[in-house]
N, C-alpha and C. Protein backbone atom coordinates (compact mmCIF):
# COMPACT_ATOMS: atom_id res chain seq x y z
N MET A 1 54.34 107.12 80.53
CA MET A 1 55.77 107.19 80.29
C MET A 1 56.01 108.14 79.12
N PRO A 2 56.93 109.10 79.24
CA PRO A 2 57.20 110.01 78.14
C PRO A 2 57.74 109.25 76.94
N PRO A 3 57.43 109.74 75.73
CA PRO A 3 57.87 109.02 74.53
C PRO A 3 59.39 108.85 74.46
N GLU A 4 60.16 109.84 74.93
CA GLU A 4 61.61 109.72 74.85
C GLU A 4 62.15 108.65 75.80
N ALA A 5 61.35 108.24 76.80
CA ALA A 5 61.79 107.24 77.76
C ALA A 5 61.46 105.82 77.32
N GLU A 6 60.62 105.70 76.29
CA GLU A 6 60.24 104.36 75.84
C GLU A 6 61.46 103.61 75.35
N GLY A 7 61.56 102.37 75.74
CA GLY A 7 62.66 101.53 75.31
C GLY A 7 63.91 101.69 76.16
N ARG A 8 63.90 102.62 77.11
CA ARG A 8 65.05 102.81 78.00
C ARG A 8 64.75 102.22 79.35
N ASP A 9 65.76 101.70 79.98
CA ASP A 9 65.63 101.21 81.35
C ASP A 9 65.86 102.38 82.29
N LEU A 10 64.77 102.95 82.85
CA LEU A 10 64.87 104.13 83.69
C LEU A 10 65.62 103.86 84.99
N SER A 11 65.73 102.59 85.38
CA SER A 11 66.47 102.28 86.60
C SER A 11 67.97 102.51 86.40
N MET A 12 68.39 102.71 85.16
CA MET A 12 69.81 102.93 84.89
C MET A 12 70.13 104.40 84.63
N GLU A 13 69.21 105.32 84.99
CA GLU A 13 69.52 106.74 84.90
C GLU A 13 70.74 107.02 85.76
N LEU A 14 71.62 107.89 85.30
CA LEU A 14 72.83 108.17 86.03
C LEU A 14 72.78 109.54 86.70
N VAL A 15 73.42 109.65 87.85
CA VAL A 15 73.54 110.90 88.60
C VAL A 15 74.96 111.00 89.13
N LYS A 16 75.32 112.21 89.55
CA LYS A 16 76.58 112.42 90.27
C LYS A 16 76.22 112.75 91.71
N LEU A 17 76.66 111.91 92.65
CA LEU A 17 76.39 112.16 94.07
C LEU A 17 77.43 113.11 94.62
N CYS A 18 76.98 114.20 95.23
CA CYS A 18 77.89 115.17 95.81
C CYS A 18 78.57 114.55 97.03
N PRO A 19 79.91 114.58 97.08
CA PRO A 19 80.60 114.00 98.24
C PRO A 19 80.44 114.85 99.50
N ALA A 20 80.04 116.12 99.37
CA ALA A 20 79.91 116.99 100.54
C ALA A 20 78.52 116.91 101.16
N CYS A 21 77.47 116.97 100.33
CA CYS A 21 76.12 117.03 100.89
C CYS A 21 75.23 115.84 100.51
N GLY A 22 75.68 114.99 99.58
CA GLY A 22 74.92 113.81 99.20
C GLY A 22 73.85 114.04 98.15
N GLU A 23 73.74 115.27 97.61
CA GLU A 23 72.73 115.59 96.60
C GLU A 23 73.00 114.79 95.33
N ALA A 24 71.94 114.23 94.73
CA ALA A 24 72.02 113.54 93.45
C ALA A 24 71.87 114.58 92.35
N ASN A 25 72.94 114.85 91.62
CA ASN A 25 72.97 115.87 90.58
C ASN A 25 72.93 115.22 89.20
N PRO A 26 72.36 115.89 88.20
CA PRO A 26 72.43 115.36 86.84
C PRO A 26 73.90 115.19 86.43
N VAL A 27 74.19 114.22 85.58
CA VAL A 27 75.58 113.96 85.19
C VAL A 27 76.21 115.14 84.47
N SER A 28 75.42 116.04 83.93
CA SER A 28 75.97 117.20 83.22
C SER A 28 76.49 118.28 84.16
N GLU A 29 76.16 118.20 85.46
CA GLU A 29 76.58 119.22 86.42
C GLU A 29 78.07 119.09 86.72
N VAL A 30 78.77 120.24 86.80
CA VAL A 30 80.18 120.24 87.19
C VAL A 30 80.36 120.72 88.62
N VAL A 31 79.31 121.37 89.18
CA VAL A 31 79.30 121.74 90.59
C VAL A 31 77.94 121.34 91.15
N CYS A 32 77.92 120.99 92.43
CA CYS A 32 76.68 120.58 93.08
C CYS A 32 75.68 121.73 93.06
N ARG A 33 74.45 121.45 92.72
CA ARG A 33 73.43 122.49 92.65
C ARG A 33 72.95 122.94 94.02
N VAL A 34 73.34 122.24 95.10
CA VAL A 34 72.97 122.63 96.45
C VAL A 34 74.11 123.35 97.16
N CYS A 35 75.32 122.75 97.17
CA CYS A 35 76.40 123.31 97.98
C CYS A 35 77.60 123.80 97.16
N MET A 36 77.54 123.69 95.84
CA MET A 36 78.56 124.20 94.94
C MET A 36 79.90 123.46 95.01
N THR A 37 79.91 122.24 95.53
CA THR A 37 81.14 121.44 95.56
C THR A 37 81.49 121.01 94.14
N ASN A 38 82.77 121.02 93.81
CA ASN A 38 83.24 120.62 92.49
C ASN A 38 82.92 119.14 92.25
N LEU A 39 82.23 118.84 91.15
CA LEU A 39 81.85 117.46 90.82
C LEU A 39 82.60 116.93 89.60
N SER A 40 83.59 117.68 89.10
CA SER A 40 84.25 117.29 87.86
C SER A 40 84.91 115.92 87.92
N SER A 41 85.36 115.49 89.10
CA SER A 41 86.00 114.18 89.19
C SER A 41 85.09 113.11 89.81
N VAL A 42 83.81 113.45 90.03
CA VAL A 42 82.87 112.49 90.61
C VAL A 42 82.31 111.61 89.50
N PRO A 43 82.44 110.28 89.63
CA PRO A 43 81.93 109.39 88.59
C PRO A 43 80.41 109.27 88.66
N PRO A 44 79.75 109.14 87.51
CA PRO A 44 78.29 108.94 87.52
C PRO A 44 77.94 107.57 88.09
N LEU A 45 76.78 107.53 88.77
CA LEU A 45 76.27 106.30 89.38
C LEU A 45 74.82 106.10 88.97
N PRO A 46 74.32 104.88 89.03
CA PRO A 46 72.89 104.68 88.80
C PRO A 46 72.08 105.43 89.85
N ALA A 47 70.98 106.06 89.43
CA ALA A 47 70.11 106.79 90.37
C ALA A 47 69.68 105.84 91.47
N GLY A 48 69.62 106.34 92.70
CA GLY A 48 69.23 105.53 93.84
C GLY A 48 70.39 104.92 94.59
N ARG A 49 71.57 104.94 94.00
CA ARG A 49 72.76 104.44 94.70
C ARG A 49 73.16 105.46 95.76
N THR A 50 73.60 105.01 96.89
CA THR A 50 73.83 105.93 98.00
C THR A 50 75.28 106.33 98.21
N GLU A 51 76.22 105.74 97.50
CA GLU A 51 77.61 106.15 97.69
C GLU A 51 78.40 105.92 96.43
N ASN A 52 79.47 106.70 96.29
CA ASN A 52 80.37 106.55 95.15
C ASN A 52 81.23 105.31 95.36
N PRO A 53 81.51 104.57 94.27
CA PRO A 53 82.36 103.39 94.42
C PRO A 53 83.79 103.83 94.71
N PRO A 54 84.55 103.03 95.48
CA PRO A 54 85.94 103.41 95.74
C PRO A 54 86.76 103.35 94.46
N ASP A 55 87.70 104.28 94.33
CA ASP A 55 88.60 104.32 93.18
C ASP A 55 89.79 103.44 93.51
N PRO A 56 90.00 102.35 92.76
CA PRO A 56 91.08 101.43 93.09
C PRO A 56 92.46 102.08 92.95
N ASP A 57 92.58 103.14 92.16
CA ASP A 57 93.87 103.80 91.96
C ASP A 57 94.18 104.85 93.03
N GLU A 58 93.19 105.17 93.89
CA GLU A 58 93.38 106.18 94.92
C GLU A 58 93.58 105.55 96.27
N PRO A 59 94.47 106.14 97.08
CA PRO A 59 94.62 105.60 98.44
C PRO A 59 93.34 105.78 99.22
N SER A 60 93.12 104.92 100.20
CA SER A 60 91.92 104.99 101.01
C SER A 60 91.90 106.27 101.82
N LEU A 61 90.72 106.91 101.91
CA LEU A 61 90.54 108.15 102.65
C LEU A 61 89.60 107.89 103.81
N ASP A 62 89.78 108.61 104.91
CA ASP A 62 88.83 108.47 106.01
C ASP A 62 87.52 109.16 105.63
N ALA A 63 86.45 108.92 106.38
CA ALA A 63 85.12 109.42 106.03
C ALA A 63 85.09 110.94 105.96
N GLU A 64 85.79 111.65 106.82
CA GLU A 64 85.77 113.11 106.80
C GLU A 64 86.39 113.65 105.52
N ALA A 65 87.49 113.04 105.07
CA ALA A 65 88.13 113.51 103.85
C ALA A 65 87.25 113.26 102.63
N LYS A 66 86.49 112.17 102.63
CA LYS A 66 85.61 111.87 101.50
C LYS A 66 84.50 112.89 101.38
N THR A 67 84.07 113.49 102.49
CA THR A 67 82.97 114.42 102.44
C THR A 67 83.42 115.88 102.49
N ALA A 68 84.72 116.12 102.42
CA ALA A 68 85.21 117.50 102.49
C ALA A 68 84.77 118.27 101.25
N PRO A 69 84.25 119.49 101.44
CA PRO A 69 83.84 120.29 100.29
C PRO A 69 85.04 120.78 99.52
N SER A 70 84.77 121.30 98.34
CA SER A 70 85.81 121.88 97.50
C SER A 70 86.59 122.90 98.31
N PRO A 71 87.92 122.89 98.23
CA PRO A 71 88.70 123.80 99.06
C PRO A 71 88.48 125.27 98.74
N SER A 72 87.96 125.61 97.58
CA SER A 72 87.78 127.02 97.24
C SER A 72 86.39 127.55 97.60
N VAL A 73 85.52 126.69 98.13
CA VAL A 73 84.17 127.10 98.51
C VAL A 73 83.89 126.60 99.93
N LEU A 74 83.42 127.50 100.78
CA LEU A 74 83.01 127.15 102.13
C LEU A 74 81.49 127.16 102.14
N THR A 75 80.88 126.17 102.78
CA THR A 75 79.43 126.11 102.84
C THR A 75 78.96 126.26 104.28
N PHE A 76 78.01 127.18 104.46
CA PHE A 76 77.34 127.36 105.74
C PHE A 76 75.96 126.74 105.62
N LYS A 77 75.39 126.30 106.74
CA LYS A 77 73.99 125.87 106.79
C LYS A 77 73.28 126.80 107.76
N ARG A 78 72.28 127.53 107.25
CA ARG A 78 71.54 128.44 108.11
C ARG A 78 70.68 127.64 109.06
N VAL A 79 70.77 127.91 110.37
CA VAL A 79 70.07 127.14 111.40
C VAL A 79 68.56 127.30 111.26
N SER A 80 68.08 128.47 110.92
CA SER A 80 66.64 128.73 110.88
C SER A 80 65.89 127.89 109.86
N ASP A 81 66.51 127.60 108.72
CA ASP A 81 65.79 126.86 107.68
C ASP A 81 66.61 125.76 107.01
N GLY A 82 67.85 125.55 107.44
CA GLY A 82 68.68 124.49 106.88
C GLY A 82 69.24 124.79 105.51
N ARG A 83 69.06 126.01 105.03
CA ARG A 83 69.53 126.38 103.68
C ARG A 83 71.05 126.35 103.61
N ALA A 84 71.60 125.72 102.58
CA ALA A 84 73.04 125.70 102.34
C ALA A 84 73.43 127.01 101.67
N ILE A 85 74.49 127.64 102.18
CA ILE A 85 74.96 128.92 101.65
C ILE A 85 76.43 128.76 101.27
N PRO A 86 76.71 128.53 99.98
CA PRO A 86 78.11 128.41 99.55
C PRO A 86 78.74 129.80 99.41
N VAL A 87 79.97 129.94 99.88
CA VAL A 87 80.68 131.21 99.82
C VAL A 87 82.10 130.93 99.35
N ALA A 88 82.55 131.65 98.33
CA ALA A 88 83.91 131.49 97.82
C ALA A 88 84.87 132.35 98.64
N SER A 89 86.11 131.94 98.65
CA SER A 89 87.14 132.70 99.36
C SER A 89 87.17 134.13 98.84
N GLY A 90 87.15 135.08 99.76
CA GLY A 90 87.17 136.50 99.40
C GLY A 90 85.80 137.14 99.29
N ASP A 91 84.74 136.33 99.32
CA ASP A 91 83.38 136.87 99.22
C ASP A 91 82.97 137.60 100.48
N ALA A 92 82.26 138.71 100.28
CA ALA A 92 81.65 139.43 101.40
C ALA A 92 80.26 138.87 101.62
N ILE A 93 79.87 138.75 102.88
CA ILE A 93 78.55 138.26 103.27
C ILE A 93 77.75 139.43 103.79
N GLY A 94 76.49 139.54 103.34
CA GLY A 94 75.63 140.61 103.83
C GLY A 94 74.39 140.77 102.97
N ARG A 95 73.67 141.87 103.17
CA ARG A 95 72.41 142.11 102.46
C ARG A 95 72.61 142.88 101.16
N LEU A 96 73.79 142.89 100.60
CA LEU A 96 74.08 143.63 99.39
C LEU A 96 74.64 142.69 98.33
N GLY A 97 74.47 143.01 97.09
CA GLY A 97 75.07 142.25 95.99
C GLY A 97 74.51 140.85 95.86
N GLU A 98 75.39 139.89 95.61
CA GLU A 98 74.99 138.51 95.37
C GLU A 98 74.34 137.85 96.58
N MET A 99 74.60 138.34 97.77
CA MET A 99 74.04 137.75 98.98
C MET A 99 72.68 138.33 99.34
N LEU A 100 72.18 139.28 98.57
CA LEU A 100 70.92 139.97 98.86
C LEU A 100 69.80 138.99 99.18
N GLU A 101 69.54 138.04 98.29
CA GLU A 101 68.43 137.10 98.49
C GLU A 101 68.64 136.21 99.71
N THR A 102 69.88 135.92 100.04
CA THR A 102 70.18 135.03 101.16
C THR A 102 69.92 135.70 102.50
N PHE A 103 70.21 137.00 102.60
CA PHE A 103 70.15 137.68 103.89
C PHE A 103 69.17 138.85 103.97
N GLU A 104 68.39 139.11 102.91
CA GLU A 104 67.54 140.30 102.90
C GLU A 104 66.49 140.30 104.01
N ALA A 105 66.06 139.15 104.49
CA ALA A 105 65.05 139.10 105.56
C ALA A 105 65.65 139.38 106.94
N TYR A 106 66.97 139.39 107.02
CA TYR A 106 67.65 139.61 108.30
C TYR A 106 68.09 141.07 108.38
N ARG A 107 67.23 141.93 108.90
CA ARG A 107 67.51 143.37 108.95
C ARG A 107 68.67 143.71 109.88
N THR A 108 69.04 142.80 110.79
CA THR A 108 70.16 143.07 111.69
C THR A 108 71.51 142.67 111.08
N VAL A 109 71.47 142.09 109.87
CA VAL A 109 72.70 141.78 109.14
C VAL A 109 73.03 143.00 108.29
N SER A 110 74.25 143.49 108.40
CA SER A 110 74.67 144.67 107.63
C SER A 110 74.73 144.35 106.13
N ARG A 111 74.70 145.41 105.33
CA ARG A 111 74.78 145.22 103.88
C ARG A 111 76.09 144.54 103.49
N VAL A 112 77.19 144.93 104.07
CA VAL A 112 78.48 144.27 103.90
C VAL A 112 78.94 143.93 105.31
N HIS A 113 78.64 142.73 105.74
CA HIS A 113 78.77 142.34 107.15
C HIS A 113 80.14 141.72 107.47
N ALA A 114 80.52 140.70 106.70
CA ALA A 114 81.75 139.96 106.99
C ALA A 114 82.32 139.41 105.69
N ARG A 115 83.56 138.95 105.76
CA ARG A 115 84.22 138.34 104.59
C ARG A 115 84.84 137.02 105.04
N VAL A 116 84.75 136.00 104.17
CA VAL A 116 85.43 134.73 104.43
C VAL A 116 86.62 134.62 103.49
N ALA A 117 87.68 133.99 103.97
CA ALA A 117 88.87 133.82 103.14
C ALA A 117 89.55 132.51 103.49
N LEU A 118 90.14 131.90 102.47
CA LEU A 118 90.93 130.70 102.62
C LEU A 118 92.39 131.09 102.50
N THR A 119 93.16 130.86 103.57
CA THR A 119 94.60 131.13 103.53
C THR A 119 95.32 129.97 104.17
N ASP A 120 96.36 129.50 103.53
CA ASP A 120 97.14 128.38 104.05
C ASP A 120 96.26 127.18 104.41
N ASP A 121 95.31 126.85 103.55
CA ASP A 121 94.41 125.71 103.73
C ASP A 121 93.53 125.80 104.96
N ALA A 122 93.30 127.01 105.47
CA ALA A 122 92.40 127.21 106.62
C ALA A 122 91.46 128.37 106.32
N TRP A 123 90.21 128.23 106.74
CA TRP A 123 89.21 129.27 106.52
C TRP A 123 89.18 130.24 107.70
N ALA A 124 88.86 131.49 107.40
CA ALA A 124 88.71 132.50 108.45
C ALA A 124 87.56 133.43 108.04
N ILE A 125 86.94 134.04 109.05
CA ILE A 125 85.90 135.04 108.80
C ILE A 125 86.34 136.34 109.47
N GLU A 126 86.06 137.45 108.80
CA GLU A 126 86.45 138.76 109.31
C GLU A 126 85.24 139.68 109.32
N ASP A 127 84.93 140.25 110.46
CA ASP A 127 83.85 141.23 110.54
C ASP A 127 84.33 142.50 109.84
N LEU A 128 83.49 143.07 108.99
CA LEU A 128 83.86 144.25 108.21
C LEU A 128 83.29 145.53 108.82
N GLY A 129 83.24 145.59 110.14
CA GLY A 129 82.72 146.78 110.81
C GLY A 129 81.20 146.80 110.84
N SER A 130 80.59 145.63 110.91
CA SER A 130 79.13 145.53 110.92
C SER A 130 78.55 146.21 112.15
N THR A 131 77.31 146.63 112.05
CA THR A 131 76.64 147.30 113.16
C THR A 131 76.41 146.36 114.34
N ASN A 132 75.97 145.13 114.08
CA ASN A 132 75.59 144.22 115.15
C ASN A 132 76.57 143.09 115.42
N GLY A 133 77.71 143.11 114.76
CA GLY A 133 78.78 142.16 115.06
C GLY A 133 78.67 140.80 114.41
N THR A 134 79.80 140.09 114.44
CA THR A 134 79.91 138.73 113.96
C THR A 134 80.41 137.90 115.14
N TRP A 135 79.81 136.74 115.32
CA TRP A 135 80.10 135.88 116.47
C TRP A 135 80.53 134.50 115.97
N VAL A 136 81.57 133.94 116.58
CA VAL A 136 82.02 132.58 116.26
C VAL A 136 81.97 131.78 117.56
N ASN A 137 81.16 130.73 117.52
CA ASN A 137 80.98 129.85 118.70
C ASN A 137 80.63 130.66 119.95
N GLY A 138 79.74 131.65 119.78
CA GLY A 138 79.24 132.42 120.91
C GLY A 138 80.11 133.58 121.36
N ARG A 139 81.24 133.79 120.70
CA ARG A 139 82.14 134.89 121.09
C ARG A 139 82.19 135.92 119.96
N ARG A 140 82.00 137.18 120.32
CA ARG A 140 82.05 138.24 119.32
C ARG A 140 83.49 138.43 118.87
N ILE A 141 83.69 138.50 117.53
CA ILE A 141 85.04 138.69 117.01
C ILE A 141 85.31 140.17 116.80
N GLU A 142 86.56 140.52 116.86
CA GLU A 142 86.97 141.91 116.71
C GLU A 142 86.92 142.30 115.22
N PRO A 143 86.26 143.42 114.89
CA PRO A 143 86.22 143.86 113.48
C PRO A 143 87.63 144.03 112.92
N GLY A 144 87.80 143.62 111.68
CA GLY A 144 89.07 143.79 110.98
C GLY A 144 90.12 142.74 111.29
N ARG A 145 89.82 141.79 112.17
CA ARG A 145 90.77 140.74 112.52
C ARG A 145 90.19 139.38 112.15
N PRO A 146 90.76 138.70 111.15
CA PRO A 146 90.24 137.39 110.75
C PRO A 146 90.24 136.40 111.92
N CYS A 147 89.18 135.64 112.01
CA CYS A 147 89.02 134.63 113.06
C CYS A 147 88.91 133.26 112.37
N PRO A 148 89.76 132.29 112.73
CA PRO A 148 89.69 130.97 112.11
C PRO A 148 88.34 130.30 112.36
N ILE A 149 87.83 129.61 111.33
CA ILE A 149 86.62 128.82 111.46
C ILE A 149 86.85 127.46 110.83
N LYS A 150 86.13 126.46 111.34
CA LYS A 150 86.27 125.10 110.82
C LYS A 150 84.91 124.41 110.83
N LYS A 151 84.87 123.25 110.22
CA LYS A 151 83.65 122.45 110.15
C LYS A 151 83.06 122.27 111.55
N GLY A 152 81.75 122.55 111.68
CA GLY A 152 81.05 122.40 112.94
C GLY A 152 80.95 123.67 113.76
N ASP A 153 81.74 124.70 113.41
CA ASP A 153 81.66 125.96 114.14
C ASP A 153 80.34 126.66 113.86
N THR A 154 79.88 127.43 114.84
CA THR A 154 78.68 128.25 114.69
C THR A 154 79.12 129.68 114.43
N VAL A 155 78.57 130.26 113.36
CA VAL A 155 78.85 131.65 113.00
C VAL A 155 77.53 132.40 113.02
N SER A 156 77.49 133.52 113.75
CA SER A 156 76.27 134.34 113.82
C SER A 156 76.57 135.72 113.26
N LEU A 157 75.72 136.15 112.35
CA LEU A 157 75.79 137.51 111.81
C LEU A 157 74.70 138.27 112.55
N SER A 158 75.04 138.95 113.60
CA SER A 158 74.13 139.57 114.55
C SER A 158 73.47 138.45 115.36
N ILE A 159 72.52 138.78 116.17
CA ILE A 159 71.87 137.77 117.01
C ILE A 159 70.83 136.97 116.22
N ALA A 160 70.40 137.49 115.06
CA ALA A 160 69.28 136.89 114.33
C ALA A 160 69.66 135.81 113.33
N CYS A 161 70.88 135.79 112.83
CA CYS A 161 71.23 134.89 111.74
C CYS A 161 72.37 133.97 112.16
N GLU A 162 72.01 132.74 112.50
CA GLU A 162 73.00 131.75 112.96
C GLU A 162 73.22 130.69 111.88
N MET A 163 74.48 130.34 111.66
CA MET A 163 74.85 129.37 110.63
C MET A 163 75.88 128.40 111.19
N ILE A 164 75.91 127.18 110.62
CA ILE A 164 76.89 126.17 110.97
C ILE A 164 77.82 126.00 109.78
N VAL A 165 79.13 125.90 110.04
CA VAL A 165 80.11 125.67 108.98
C VAL A 165 80.06 124.19 108.61
N LEU A 166 79.83 123.90 107.33
CA LEU A 166 79.79 122.50 106.87
C LEU A 166 81.14 122.08 106.34
């Protein structure tokens, strides 16, 4: 046992459970380290607890609303490896810039492939003139025209990179 842990009840370590992906985050985190969901209003819980306690001052929410990600961040899950890919409204997706590490192995994904945006509380993806196209639920979208996307939709950046909207 580490010296700093002596005299402490380790079963009472606290974490913040992400309402979107269920990740147990340190209480100091303000966004989930996996999916980037805002954790600022998530109460700390003892480690090992599987759900946040209901807030008596808040009206009851259905299960989907409780797990909805932060409205300013959309999360994709890459089908090939299950990796969560958080994207903020207005971000371009591709093999350039901040997305380099996420898509560099996918040579059929353009450097600046598509952009996601949140407008009127709905997400959309727009192909930015990519070489191999952007597909939503198996249908190729027209470059330059935003296409609505929602939880559960499949988005493909070329034929090689398939993702699910979380």
